[in-house]
Amino acid sequence: DHPLDHPLDPCFFIDVIYAISFSLYPFTERYAQPYFFSCLIRQMVSTHTDADLSAAVQNALRTLLPQIREEIREEFCTGSGSSNAGGN
């Protein structure tokens, strides 16, 4: 049973994305925010109900999360993430 399989308030998803964006900055500034919001905006123009918007947000998240994971993995494997965290 996947958490994204249950309908939730679309505003909840948008709040979660903002929280993730700030916690992963600057990664999200370069990759996640522009990609996610372009997907979301494309979906929003064709949605008419909260259920449609919720489905659009869920689809955008499903598309985006693997990319976020891969980019984070690359950032930390190259050492740029760990050196920034150490204050160097």
N, C-alpha and C. Protein backbone atom coordinates (compact mmCIF):
# COMPACT_ATOMS: atom_id res chain seq x y z
N ASP A 1 0.85 -1.18 0.00
CA ASP A 1 0.00 0.00 0.00
C ASP A 1 0.89 1.24 0.00
N HIS A 2 0.93 1.94 -1.09
CA HIS A 2 1.80 3.11 -1.26
C HIS A 2 1.10 4.36 -0.73
N PRO A 3 1.82 5.24 0.00
CA PRO A 3 1.19 6.45 0.55
C PRO A 3 0.58 7.35 -0.51
N LEU A 4 1.14 7.36 -1.71
CA LEU A 4 0.62 8.24 -2.75
C LEU A 4 -0.63 7.68 -3.42
N ASP A 5 -1.04 6.46 -3.03
CA ASP A 5 -2.23 5.86 -3.62
C ASP A 5 -3.52 6.36 -2.97
N HIS A 6 -3.42 7.14 -1.89
CA HIS A 6 -4.59 7.64 -1.19
C HIS A 6 -4.81 9.10 -1.54
N PRO A 7 -6.04 9.48 -1.88
CA PRO A 7 -6.29 10.89 -2.22
C PRO A 7 -6.14 11.79 -1.00
N LEU A 8 -5.40 12.86 -1.16
CA LEU A 8 -5.21 13.84 -0.10
C LEU A 8 -5.44 15.23 -0.68
N ASP A 9 -5.55 16.19 0.21
CA ASP A 9 -5.72 17.58 -0.20
C ASP A 9 -4.53 18.01 -1.06
N PRO A 10 -4.75 18.56 -2.25
CA PRO A 10 -3.63 18.98 -3.10
C PRO A 10 -2.71 19.98 -2.42
N CYS A 11 -3.23 20.82 -1.56
CA CYS A 11 -2.39 21.79 -0.86
C CYS A 11 -1.36 21.10 0.02
N PHE A 12 -1.71 19.93 0.55
CA PHE A 12 -0.77 19.16 1.35
C PHE A 12 0.46 18.81 0.52
N PHE A 13 0.25 18.36 -0.72
CA PHE A 13 1.37 17.99 -1.57
C PHE A 13 2.23 19.19 -1.91
N ILE A 14 1.59 20.31 -2.16
CA ILE A 14 2.36 21.52 -2.49
C ILE A 14 3.20 21.94 -1.28
N ASP A 15 2.63 21.87 -0.07
CA ASP A 15 3.39 22.19 1.14
C ASP A 15 4.57 21.24 1.30
N VAL A 16 4.36 19.96 1.03
CA VAL A 16 5.44 18.97 1.15
C VAL A 16 6.55 19.29 0.16
N ILE A 17 6.19 19.65 -1.06
CA ILE A 17 7.20 19.98 -2.07
C ILE A 17 8.02 21.19 -1.64
N TYR A 18 7.36 22.21 -1.08
CA TYR A 18 8.12 23.36 -0.59
C TYR A 18 9.07 22.95 0.52
N ALA A 19 8.62 22.10 1.44
CA ALA A 19 9.49 21.64 2.53
C ALA A 19 10.68 20.87 1.97
N ILE A 20 10.43 19.98 1.02
CA ILE A 20 11.52 19.22 0.40
C ILE A 20 12.46 20.16 -0.33
N SER A 21 11.90 21.14 -1.03
CA SER A 21 12.72 22.07 -1.79
C SER A 21 13.69 22.82 -0.89
N PHE A 22 13.21 23.29 0.25
CA PHE A 22 14.09 24.03 1.14
C PHE A 22 15.11 23.13 1.81
N SER A 23 14.75 21.88 2.10
CA SER A 23 15.68 20.99 2.77
C SER A 23 16.78 20.49 1.84
N LEU A 24 16.52 20.45 0.54
CA LEU A 24 17.50 19.95 -0.42
C LEU A 24 18.18 21.07 -1.22
N TYR A 25 17.93 22.31 -0.86
CA TYR A 25 18.55 23.43 -1.55
C TYR A 25 20.07 23.28 -1.46
N PRO A 26 20.90 23.51 -2.49
CA PRO A 26 20.58 24.11 -3.77
C PRO A 26 20.19 23.11 -4.86
N PHE A 27 20.20 21.81 -4.55
CA PHE A 27 19.83 20.81 -5.56
C PHE A 27 18.48 21.14 -6.19
N THR A 28 17.49 21.43 -5.35
CA THR A 28 16.15 21.64 -5.87
C THR A 28 16.05 22.91 -6.70
N GLU A 29 16.91 23.89 -6.41
CA GLU A 29 16.88 25.12 -7.20
C GLU A 29 17.27 24.82 -8.65
N ARG A 30 18.24 23.92 -8.83
CA ARG A 30 18.72 23.61 -10.17
C ARG A 30 17.83 22.63 -10.90
N TYR A 31 17.32 21.62 -10.20
CA TYR A 31 16.66 20.50 -10.88
C TYR A 31 15.19 20.35 -10.52
N ALA A 32 14.91 20.14 -9.25
CA ALA A 32 13.58 19.68 -8.84
C ALA A 32 12.50 20.74 -9.02
N GLN A 33 12.73 21.94 -8.53
CA GLN A 33 11.67 22.95 -8.58
C GLN A 33 11.22 23.26 -10.00
N PRO A 34 12.14 23.58 -10.91
CA PRO A 34 11.66 23.90 -12.27
C PRO A 34 10.93 22.73 -12.92
N TYR A 35 11.45 21.52 -12.73
CA TYR A 35 10.84 20.35 -13.36
C TYR A 35 9.48 20.06 -12.76
N PHE A 36 9.42 20.03 -11.43
CA PHE A 36 8.15 19.70 -10.77
C PHE A 36 7.09 20.73 -11.11
N PHE A 37 7.42 22.01 -10.98
CA PHE A 37 6.40 23.02 -11.19
C PHE A 37 5.99 23.13 -12.65
N SER A 38 6.88 22.84 -13.59
CA SER A 38 6.45 22.82 -14.99
C SER A 38 5.47 21.68 -15.22
N CYS A 39 5.73 20.50 -14.61
CA CYS A 39 4.78 19.38 -14.72
C CYS A 39 3.45 19.76 -14.08
N LEU A 40 3.51 20.35 -12.90
CA LEU A 40 2.29 20.68 -12.17
C LEU A 40 1.47 21.73 -12.92
N ILE A 41 2.12 22.75 -13.44
CA ILE A 41 1.40 23.80 -14.15
C ILE A 41 0.73 23.24 -15.40
N ARG A 42 1.45 22.37 -16.13
CA ARG A 42 0.83 21.76 -17.32
C ARG A 42 -0.41 20.97 -16.93
N GLN A 43 -0.37 20.26 -15.79
CA GLN A 43 -1.52 19.48 -15.36
C GLN A 43 -2.64 20.38 -14.85
N MET A 44 -2.30 21.46 -14.15
CA MET A 44 -3.32 22.31 -13.53
C MET A 44 -4.20 22.99 -14.57
N VAL A 45 -3.64 23.33 -15.72
CA VAL A 45 -4.46 24.01 -16.72
C VAL A 45 -5.55 23.11 -17.27
N SER A 46 -5.39 21.80 -17.11
CA SER A 46 -6.41 20.88 -17.62
C SER A 46 -7.23 20.24 -16.51
N THR A 47 -7.08 20.71 -15.26
CA THR A 47 -7.83 20.13 -14.15
C THR A 47 -8.97 21.05 -13.76
N HIS A 48 -10.05 20.45 -13.28
CA HIS A 48 -11.23 21.24 -12.92
C HIS A 48 -11.73 20.94 -11.52
N THR A 49 -11.23 19.90 -10.89
CA THR A 49 -11.68 19.54 -9.55
C THR A 49 -10.48 19.29 -8.65
N ASP A 50 -10.73 19.27 -7.33
CA ASP A 50 -9.66 18.95 -6.39
C ASP A 50 -9.10 17.56 -6.64
N ALA A 51 -9.98 16.62 -7.01
CA ALA A 51 -9.51 15.25 -7.27
C ALA A 51 -8.57 15.23 -8.47
N ASP A 52 -8.88 16.02 -9.51
CA ASP A 52 -8.00 16.10 -10.68
C ASP A 52 -6.66 16.70 -10.30
N LEU A 53 -6.69 17.76 -9.49
CA LEU A 53 -5.45 18.40 -9.08
C LEU A 53 -4.63 17.47 -8.20
N SER A 54 -5.29 16.76 -7.29
CA SER A 54 -4.59 15.80 -6.44
C SER A 54 -3.91 14.73 -7.29
N ALA A 55 -4.61 14.22 -8.29
CA ALA A 55 -4.03 13.22 -9.17
C ALA A 55 -2.85 13.79 -9.95
N ALA A 56 -2.96 15.05 -10.39
CA ALA A 56 -1.87 15.68 -11.12
C ALA A 56 -0.63 15.82 -10.26
N VAL A 57 -0.82 16.23 -9.00
CA VAL A 57 0.31 16.37 -8.08
C VAL A 57 0.95 15.01 -7.82
N GLN A 58 0.13 13.99 -7.59
CA GLN A 58 0.66 12.65 -7.35
C GLN A 58 1.46 12.15 -8.55
N ASN A 59 0.96 12.38 -9.75
CA ASN A 59 1.68 11.95 -10.95
C ASN A 59 3.01 12.69 -11.08
N ALA A 60 3.01 13.99 -10.79
CA ALA A 60 4.25 14.76 -10.87
C ALA A 60 5.25 14.26 -9.85
N LEU A 61 4.78 13.94 -8.63
CA LEU A 61 5.69 13.41 -7.61
C LEU A 61 6.26 12.07 -8.02
N ARG A 62 5.43 11.21 -8.55
CA ARG A 62 5.91 9.89 -8.99
C ARG A 62 6.98 10.03 -10.06
N THR A 63 6.83 11.02 -10.92
CA THR A 63 7.80 11.25 -11.98
C THR A 63 9.08 11.85 -11.42
N LEU A 64 8.97 12.73 -10.46
CA LEU A 64 10.10 13.50 -9.96
C LEU A 64 10.97 12.76 -8.96
N LEU A 65 10.38 11.95 -8.08
CA LEU A 65 11.14 11.35 -6.98
C LEU A 65 12.33 10.52 -7.44
N PRO A 66 12.23 9.68 -8.46
CA PRO A 66 13.43 8.94 -8.89
C PRO A 66 14.56 9.86 -9.36
N GLN A 67 14.20 10.96 -10.01
CA GLN A 67 15.21 11.91 -10.46
C GLN A 67 15.90 12.57 -9.26
N ILE A 68 15.12 12.93 -8.24
CA ILE A 68 15.70 13.54 -7.04
C ILE A 68 16.66 12.57 -6.38
N ARG A 69 16.23 11.31 -6.22
CA ARG A 69 17.10 10.31 -5.59
C ARG A 69 18.41 10.16 -6.34
N GLU A 70 18.34 10.07 -7.66
CA GLU A 70 19.55 9.89 -8.47
C GLU A 70 20.47 11.09 -8.37
N GLU A 71 19.92 12.28 -8.43
CA GLU A 71 20.75 13.48 -8.35
C GLU A 71 21.40 13.62 -6.99
N ILE A 72 20.68 13.29 -5.92
CA ILE A 72 21.26 13.34 -4.57
C ILE A 72 22.39 12.34 -4.47
N ARG A 73 22.17 11.14 -4.99
CA ARG A 73 23.20 10.10 -4.96
C ARG A 73 24.45 10.60 -5.68
N GLU A 74 24.28 11.21 -6.84
CA GLU A 74 25.42 11.73 -7.59
C GLU A 74 26.13 12.85 -6.84
N GLU A 75 25.35 13.76 -6.23
CA GLU A 75 25.94 14.87 -5.48
C GLU A 75 26.85 14.36 -4.37
N PHE A 76 26.38 13.36 -3.61
CA PHE A 76 27.14 12.89 -2.47
C PHE A 76 28.25 11.93 -2.88
N CYS A 77 28.11 11.23 -3.98
CA CYS A 77 29.18 10.34 -4.45
C CYS A 77 30.37 11.14 -4.96
N THR A 78 30.13 12.31 -5.52
CA THR A 78 31.23 13.14 -6.01
C THR A 78 31.90 13.91 -4.88
N GLY A 79 31.29 13.90 -3.70
CA GLY A 79 31.89 14.57 -2.55
C GLY A 79 31.47 16.01 -2.38
N SER A 80 30.74 16.57 -3.35
CA SER A 80 30.36 17.97 -3.23
C SER A 80 29.38 18.19 -2.10
N GLY A 81 28.48 17.23 -1.86
CA GLY A 81 27.53 17.36 -0.78
C GLY A 81 28.19 17.28 0.58
N SER A 82 29.12 16.33 0.75
CA SER A 82 29.74 16.16 2.06
C SER A 82 30.70 17.30 2.38
N SER A 83 31.41 17.85 1.37
CA SER A 83 32.33 18.95 1.66
C SER A 83 31.57 20.21 2.03
N ASN A 84 30.41 20.44 1.39
CA ASN A 84 29.62 21.61 1.75
C ASN A 84 29.06 21.47 3.15
N ALA A 85 28.67 20.25 3.53
CA ALA A 85 28.11 20.03 4.86
C ALA A 85 29.15 20.25 5.93
N GLY A 86 30.43 20.02 5.60
CA GLY A 86 31.49 20.18 6.58
C GLY A 86 31.95 21.61 6.73
N GLY A 87 31.40 22.50 5.94
CA GLY A 87 31.76 23.91 6.06
C GLY A 87 33.02 24.28 5.31
N ASN A 88 33.53 23.43 4.44
CA ASN A 88 34.75 23.74 3.68
C ASN A 88 34.45 24.56 2.46
